[in-house]
N, C-alpha and C. Protein backbone atom coordinates (compact mmCIF):
# COMPACT_ATOMS: atom_id res chain seq x y z
N UNK A 1 11.88 -12.95 5.19
CA UNK A 1 12.58 -12.24 4.27
C UNK A 1 11.95 -10.79 4.23
N UNK A 2 12.05 -9.65 4.54
CA UNK A 2 11.27 -8.61 4.38
C UNK A 2 11.70 -7.92 3.43
N UNK A 3 10.30 -7.65 2.97
CA UNK A 3 10.15 -6.36 2.34
C UNK A 3 9.96 -4.99 1.87
N UNK A 4 10.51 -3.73 1.35
CA UNK A 4 10.49 -2.58 1.60
C UNK A 4 9.55 -2.07 0.80
N UNK A 5 8.72 -0.98 1.06
CA UNK A 5 7.35 0.07 0.90
C UNK A 5 7.90 1.04 0.92
N UNK A 6 7.87 2.03 -0.58
CA UNK A 6 8.45 3.53 -0.46
C UNK A 6 7.21 4.52 -0.02
N UNK A 7 6.44 5.12 0.80
CA UNK A 7 5.77 5.88 0.54
C UNK A 7 5.86 7.48 0.59
N UNK A 8 4.82 7.48 0.02
CA UNK A 8 4.69 8.93 -0.22
C UNK A 8 3.09 9.31 0.35
N UNK A 9 2.92 10.71 1.12
CA UNK A 9 2.14 10.79 2.26
C UNK A 9 1.20 11.98 1.29
N UNK A 10 0.45 11.99 1.00
CA UNK A 10 -0.59 12.55 0.20
C UNK A 10 -0.54 14.04 1.13
N UNK A 11 -0.13 15.11 -0.44
CA UNK A 11 -0.04 16.82 0.51
C UNK A 11 -1.65 17.20 0.68
N UNK A 12 -2.49 16.25 -0.15
CA UNK A 12 -4.05 17.16 0.68
C UNK A 12 -4.48 16.67 1.58
N UNK A 13 -4.09 16.06 2.31
CA UNK A 13 -4.47 15.20 3.99
C UNK A 13 -3.37 15.68 4.51
N UNK A 14 -2.42 15.98 4.60
CA UNK A 14 -1.11 16.23 5.29
C UNK A 14 -0.62 17.67 5.28
N UNK A 15 -1.55 18.53 4.93
CA UNK A 15 -1.38 19.76 4.90
C UNK A 15 -0.35 20.29 4.30
N UNK A 16 -0.12 19.60 2.70
CA UNK A 16 0.78 20.22 1.91
C UNK A 16 1.92 19.55 2.52
N UNK A 17 2.17 18.64 3.30
CA UNK A 17 3.87 18.63 3.74
C UNK A 17 3.80 17.32 3.19
N UNK A 18 5.01 16.84 1.88
CA UNK A 18 5.24 15.49 1.50
C UNK A 18 6.33 14.91 2.59
N UNK A 19 5.93 14.24 2.97
CA UNK A 19 7.85 13.48 3.55
C UNK A 19 7.34 12.08 3.05
N UNK A 20 8.40 11.92 2.65
CA UNK A 20 9.14 10.02 2.30
C UNK A 20 9.40 8.92 3.11
N UNK A 21 8.60 8.04 3.38
CA UNK A 21 8.92 7.36 4.58
C UNK A 21 9.03 5.63 4.23
N UNK A 22 9.81 5.01 4.63
CA UNK A 22 10.12 3.71 3.98
C UNK A 22 9.71 2.72 5.55
N UNK A 23 8.73 2.15 5.26
CA UNK A 23 8.14 0.75 5.60
C UNK A 23 8.79 -0.92 5.48
N UNK A 24 9.93 -1.25 6.59
CA UNK A 24 9.58 -2.66 6.37
C UNK A 24 8.40 -3.47 7.02
N UNK A 25 7.94 -4.59 5.99
CA UNK A 25 6.59 -4.90 6.46
C UNK A 25 7.26 -6.49 7.34
N UNK A 26 6.71 -6.58 8.28
CA UNK A 26 7.29 -7.83 9.00
C UNK A 26 6.34 -8.95 8.55
N UNK A 27 7.43 -10.22 8.43
CA UNK A 27 6.65 -11.62 8.26
C UNK A 27 5.42 -11.53 8.81
N UNK A 28 5.17 -11.36 9.84
CA UNK A 28 3.66 -10.81 10.75
C UNK A 28 2.98 -10.24 10.25
N UNK A 29 2.62 -9.09 10.06
CA UNK A 29 2.38 -7.69 9.07
C UNK A 29 2.02 -8.65 8.02
N UNK A 30 2.80 -9.47 6.99
CA UNK A 30 2.34 -9.69 5.63
C UNK A 30 1.45 -10.77 6.02
N UNK A 31 1.76 -11.86 7.14
CA UNK A 31 0.41 -12.79 7.33
C UNK A 31 -0.55 -12.30 7.48
N UNK A 32 -0.94 -11.37 8.32
CA UNK A 32 -2.01 -10.80 8.55
C UNK A 32 -2.68 -9.70 7.66
N UNK A 33 -1.75 -9.02 6.84
CA UNK A 33 -2.56 -8.56 5.63
C UNK A 33 -2.97 -9.61 4.83
N UNK A 34 -2.70 -11.17 4.57
CA UNK A 34 -3.44 -12.20 3.54
C UNK A 34 -4.32 -12.11 4.33
N UNK A 35 -4.59 -12.81 5.92
CA UNK A 35 -5.62 -13.36 6.32
C UNK A 35 -6.74 -12.10 6.73
N UNK A 36 -6.27 -11.18 6.66
CA UNK A 36 -7.32 -9.94 6.97
C UNK A 36 -8.06 -9.50 5.11
N UNK A 37 -6.96 -10.13 4.00
CA UNK A 37 -7.80 -9.35 2.84
C UNK A 37 -7.56 -8.37 2.34
N UNK A 38 -6.00 -7.68 3.10
CA UNK A 38 -5.62 -6.69 2.61
C UNK A 38 -4.61 -6.60 1.36
N UNK A 39 -5.29 -6.16 0.24
CA UNK A 39 -4.03 -6.31 -1.02
C UNK A 39 -2.71 -5.07 -0.56
N UNK A 40 -2.21 -5.27 -1.56
CA UNK A 40 -1.11 -4.25 -1.37
C UNK A 40 -1.43 -3.31 -2.07
N UNK A 41 -1.94 -3.53 -2.80
CA UNK A 41 -2.78 -2.09 -3.54
C UNK A 41 -3.41 -1.67 -2.49
N UNK A 42 -4.05 -1.76 -1.81
CA UNK A 42 -4.75 -1.26 -0.25
C UNK A 42 -3.68 -0.84 0.51
N UNK A 43 -3.08 -1.64 0.92
CA UNK A 43 -1.26 -1.13 2.14
C UNK A 43 -0.84 -0.07 1.42
N UNK A 44 -0.62 0.16 0.20
CA UNK A 44 0.11 1.12 -0.13
C UNK A 44 -1.10 2.43 -0.29
N UNK A 45 -1.95 2.21 -0.36
CA UNK A 45 -2.81 3.45 -0.45
C UNK A 45 -3.26 3.75 0.39
N UNK A 46 -2.98 3.36 1.08
CA UNK A 46 -3.55 3.29 3.36
C UNK A 46 -1.93 4.91 3.65
N UNK A 47 -1.30 3.61 2.86
CA UNK A 47 0.81 4.42 3.70
C UNK A 47 0.89 5.74 2.96
N UNK A 48 -0.31 6.30 1.81
CA UNK A 48 -0.37 7.01 0.87
C UNK A 48 -0.68 8.33 1.70
N UNK A 49 -1.86 7.77 2.14
CA UNK A 49 -2.65 8.85 2.64
C UNK A 49 -2.81 8.74 4.06
N UNK A 50 -2.40 8.46 4.71
CA UNK A 50 -2.66 7.89 6.31
C UNK A 50 -2.38 9.83 6.82
N UNK A 51 -3.48 9.84 7.85
CA UNK A 51 -3.13 11.31 8.28
C UNK A 51 -3.04 11.58 9.87
N UNK A 52 -3.17 10.13 10.07
CA UNK A 52 -3.27 10.00 11.66
C UNK A 52 -2.52 9.36 12.41
N UNK A 53 -1.92 9.29 13.39
CA UNK A 53 -1.33 8.77 13.90
C UNK A 53 -1.45 8.56 15.62
N UNK A 54 -1.27 7.58 16.15
CA UNK A 54 -1.63 7.50 17.57
C UNK A 54 -0.63 6.31 18.13
N UNK A 55 0.27 6.98 19.50
CA UNK A 55 1.03 5.89 20.04
C UNK A 55 -0.08 5.01 20.87
N UNK A 56 0.57 3.36 20.27
CA UNK A 56 0.60 2.49 21.08
C UNK A 56 0.92 1.66 22.30
N UNK A 57 2.16 2.49 22.72
CA UNK A 57 3.00 1.88 23.46
C UNK A 57 4.36 1.27 22.97
N UNK A 58 5.37 1.41 24.04
CA UNK A 58 6.21 0.55 23.07
C UNK A 58 7.21 1.35 21.84
N UNK A 59 6.53 2.10 21.94
CA UNK A 59 7.35 2.87 20.61
C UNK A 59 6.62 2.59 19.21
N UNK A 60 5.48 2.15 19.64
CA UNK A 60 5.12 1.73 18.34
C UNK A 60 4.22 2.66 18.10
N UNK A 61 3.28 3.04 17.20
CA UNK A 61 2.15 3.97 16.04
C UNK A 61 1.29 3.46 15.47
N UNK A 62 0.10 3.17 15.76
CA UNK A 62 -1.03 2.84 14.98
C UNK A 62 -1.51 4.44 13.84
N UNK A 63 -1.31 3.98 12.54
CA UNK A 63 -1.43 4.67 11.27
C UNK A 63 -2.45 4.50 10.75
N UNK A 64 -3.64 5.09 11.03
CA UNK A 64 -4.66 4.65 9.80
C UNK A 64 -5.12 6.37 9.53
N UNK A 65 -6.19 6.34 8.14
CA UNK A 65 -6.65 7.27 7.75
C UNK A 65 -7.90 7.81 8.15
N UNK A 66 -8.26 8.95 8.40
CA UNK A 66 -8.95 9.42 9.75
C UNK A 66 -10.69 9.54 8.57
N UNK A 67 -11.30 9.64 9.49
CA UNK A 67 -13.10 10.32 8.90
C UNK A 67 -12.80 11.45 8.39
N UNK A 68 -12.33 12.12 8.70
CA UNK A 68 -12.36 13.81 7.80
C UNK A 68 -11.67 12.94 6.58
N UNK A 69 -10.11 12.46 7.03
CA UNK A 69 -8.71 12.65 5.79
C UNK A 69 -9.97 11.55 4.29
N UNK A 70 -10.93 10.83 4.81
CA UNK A 70 -11.77 10.01 3.72
C UNK A 70 -12.83 11.11 3.20
N UNK A 71 -13.10 12.16 3.93
CA UNK A 71 -14.03 12.81 3.76
C UNK A 71 -13.51 13.75 2.71
N UNK A 72 -11.81 14.02 3.04
CA UNK A 72 -11.22 15.17 1.78
C UNK A 72 -10.85 14.53 0.48
N UNK A 73 -10.45 13.44 0.90
CA UNK A 73 -10.30 12.85 -0.27
C UNK A 73 -11.35 12.30 -1.43
N UNK A 74 -12.90 12.13 -0.35
CA UNK A 74 -13.91 11.67 -1.88
C UNK A 74 -14.09 13.54 -2.26
N UNK A 75 -14.19 14.44 -1.53
CA UNK A 75 -14.27 15.39 -2.36
C UNK A 75 -13.74 16.05 -3.03
N UNK A 76 -12.49 15.65 -2.85
CA UNK A 76 -11.37 15.57 -4.23
C UNK A 76 -11.04 15.17 -5.48
N UNK A 77 -12.08 13.77 -4.48
CA UNK A 77 -12.16 12.59 -6.43
C UNK A 77 -11.07 11.80 -6.18
N UNK A 78 -10.02 11.29 -5.49
CA UNK A 78 -9.71 10.92 -5.30
C UNK A 78 -9.57 10.01 -4.16
N UNK A 79 -8.77 8.17 -3.61
CA UNK A 79 -8.54 7.99 -5.06
C UNK A 79 -10.50 7.23 -4.82
N UNK A 80 -10.60 5.97 -5.86
CA UNK A 80 -12.14 6.03 -6.12
C UNK A 80 -12.72 5.19 -4.71
N UNK A 81 -14.03 5.52 -5.06
CA UNK A 81 -15.00 5.15 -3.49
C UNK A 81 -14.72 3.92 -2.96
N UNK A 82 -14.49 2.90 -3.96
CA UNK A 82 -14.50 1.06 -3.19
C UNK A 82 -12.68 1.37 -2.43
N UNK A 83 -11.91 2.34 -2.89
CA UNK A 83 -10.95 1.93 -1.94
C UNK A 83 -10.88 2.48 -0.68
N UNK A 84 -11.75 4.01 -0.86
CA UNK A 84 -11.81 4.78 0.30
C UNK A 84 -12.69 3.96 1.19
N UNK A 85 -13.33 3.22 0.30
CA UNK A 85 -14.25 2.29 1.69
C UNK A 85 -13.48 1.18 2.39
N UNK A 86 -12.61 0.47 1.24
CA UNK A 86 -11.63 -0.31 2.28
C UNK A 86 -10.46 -0.07 3.09
N UNK A 87 -10.00 1.28 2.97
CA UNK A 87 -9.45 2.11 3.85
C UNK A 87 -9.71 2.67 4.91
N UNK A 88 -10.96 2.94 5.19
CA UNK A 88 -11.81 3.71 6.20
C UNK A 88 -12.19 2.18 7.16
N UNK A 89 -11.32 2.70 8.37
CA UNK A 89 -11.14 1.42 9.61
C UNK A 89 -9.94 0.85 9.55
N UNK A 90 -9.32 0.94 8.12
CA UNK A 90 -7.97 0.22 8.52
C UNK A 90 -6.65 0.82 9.22
N UNK A 91 -6.11 -0.02 10.01
CA UNK A 91 -5.13 0.75 10.91
C UNK A 91 -4.06 -0.13 10.09
N UNK A 92 -2.57 0.14 10.27
CA UNK A 92 -1.44 -0.32 10.15
C UNK A 92 -0.76 0.20 11.80
N UNK A 93 0.31 -0.91 12.41
CA UNK A 93 1.21 -0.98 14.13
C UNK A 93 2.39 -0.65 12.88
N UNK A 94 3.16 0.51 13.62
CA UNK A 94 4.30 0.70 12.90
C UNK A 94 5.58 0.97 14.18
N UNK A 95 6.65 -0.29 14.11
CA UNK A 95 7.47 0.58 15.20
C UNK A 95 8.11 1.57 14.97
N UNK A 96 9.26 1.92 15.84
CA UNK A 96 9.75 3.44 15.97
C UNK A 96 10.98 3.29 14.63
N UNK A 97 11.30 2.17 14.36
CA UNK A 97 12.41 1.36 14.11
C UNK A 97 12.00 1.48 12.14
N UNK A 98 10.78 1.90 11.88
CA UNK A 98 10.34 1.91 11.00
C UNK A 98 9.52 0.27 10.06
N UNK A 99 9.87 -0.46 10.89
CA UNK A 99 8.87 -1.99 10.47
C UNK A 99 7.09 -1.81 10.83
N UNK A 100 6.72 -2.29 9.68
CA UNK A 100 5.21 -2.28 10.09
C UNK A 100 4.90 -3.93 10.89
N UNK A 101 4.61 -3.67 11.77
CA UNK A 101 4.32 -4.84 13.00
C UNK A 101 2.82 -5.18 12.81
N UNK A 102 1.80 -4.87 12.36
CA UNK A 102 0.74 -5.44 12.09
C UNK A 102 -0.42 -4.68 11.22
N UNK A 103 -1.30 -5.71 10.67
CA UNK A 103 -2.43 -4.65 10.46
C UNK A 103 -4.05 -5.05 10.47
N UNK A 104 -4.83 -3.93 11.01
CA UNK A 104 -6.03 -4.38 11.68
C UNK A 104 -7.07 -3.95 11.51
N UNK A 105 -8.20 -4.38 11.09
CA UNK A 105 -9.54 -3.60 10.82
C UNK A 105 -9.50 -2.72 12.50
N UNK A 106 -9.90 -1.64 12.59
CA UNK A 106 -10.18 -0.66 13.16
C UNK A 106 -11.52 -1.18 13.82
N UNK A 107 -11.74 -1.05 15.50
CA UNK A 107 -13.61 -1.69 15.43
C UNK A 107 -13.06 -0.99 17.45
N UNK A 108 -14.10 -1.16 17.95
CA UNK A 108 -14.35 -0.03 19.55
C UNK A 108 -12.88 -0.55 20.30
N UNK A 109 -13.00 -1.95 20.43
CA UNK A 109 -11.56 -2.21 21.11
C UNK A 109 -10.22 -1.54 19.83
N UNK A 110 -9.60 -0.73 21.16
CA UNK A 110 -8.07 -0.09 20.29
C UNK A 110 -6.80 -0.76 20.98
N UNK A 111 -6.20 -0.99 20.01
CA UNK A 111 -4.74 -1.73 19.96
C UNK A 111 -4.00 -0.86 21.01
N UNK A 112 -3.41 -2.00 22.08
CA UNK A 112 -3.18 -1.49 22.88
C UNK A 112 -1.51 -2.48 23.08
N UNK A 113 -0.71 -2.19 23.32
CA UNK A 113 0.70 -3.22 23.20
C UNK A 113 0.76 -3.46 24.55
N UNK A 114 0.81 -5.06 24.85
CA UNK A 114 0.78 -5.39 25.81
C UNK A 114 -0.66 -5.81 26.42
N UNK A 115 -1.39 -4.92 26.45
CA UNK A 115 -3.07 -5.15 27.32
C UNK A 115 -3.92 -5.83 26.02
N UNK A 116 -3.80 -6.43 24.97
CA UNK A 116 -4.63 -7.51 24.18
C UNK A 116 -4.78 -8.72 24.36
């Protein structure tokens, strides 16, 4: 069973351009969130403030918050410092159909479909 998350991207990070987006969370992504300690609140915050997307192949995109985005949000005073700490380094992989495929913590090794 899939659930739908509505996203309103942050205008501070997205250069004053608001875009409403819906992601369907796959069973795999839901399981990975649970395994990796990513709460629904943190996931929702990432969806709201993500300012970086990188193609990872197969029509999928790795969506995350850049270091500069973290810095801008910290300077503006939102969200809380603890939330920003959790968001920095968190990446979600989204398919071209709008389905959230997985959630991972960024490391030196990058996610590439078919290469991991």
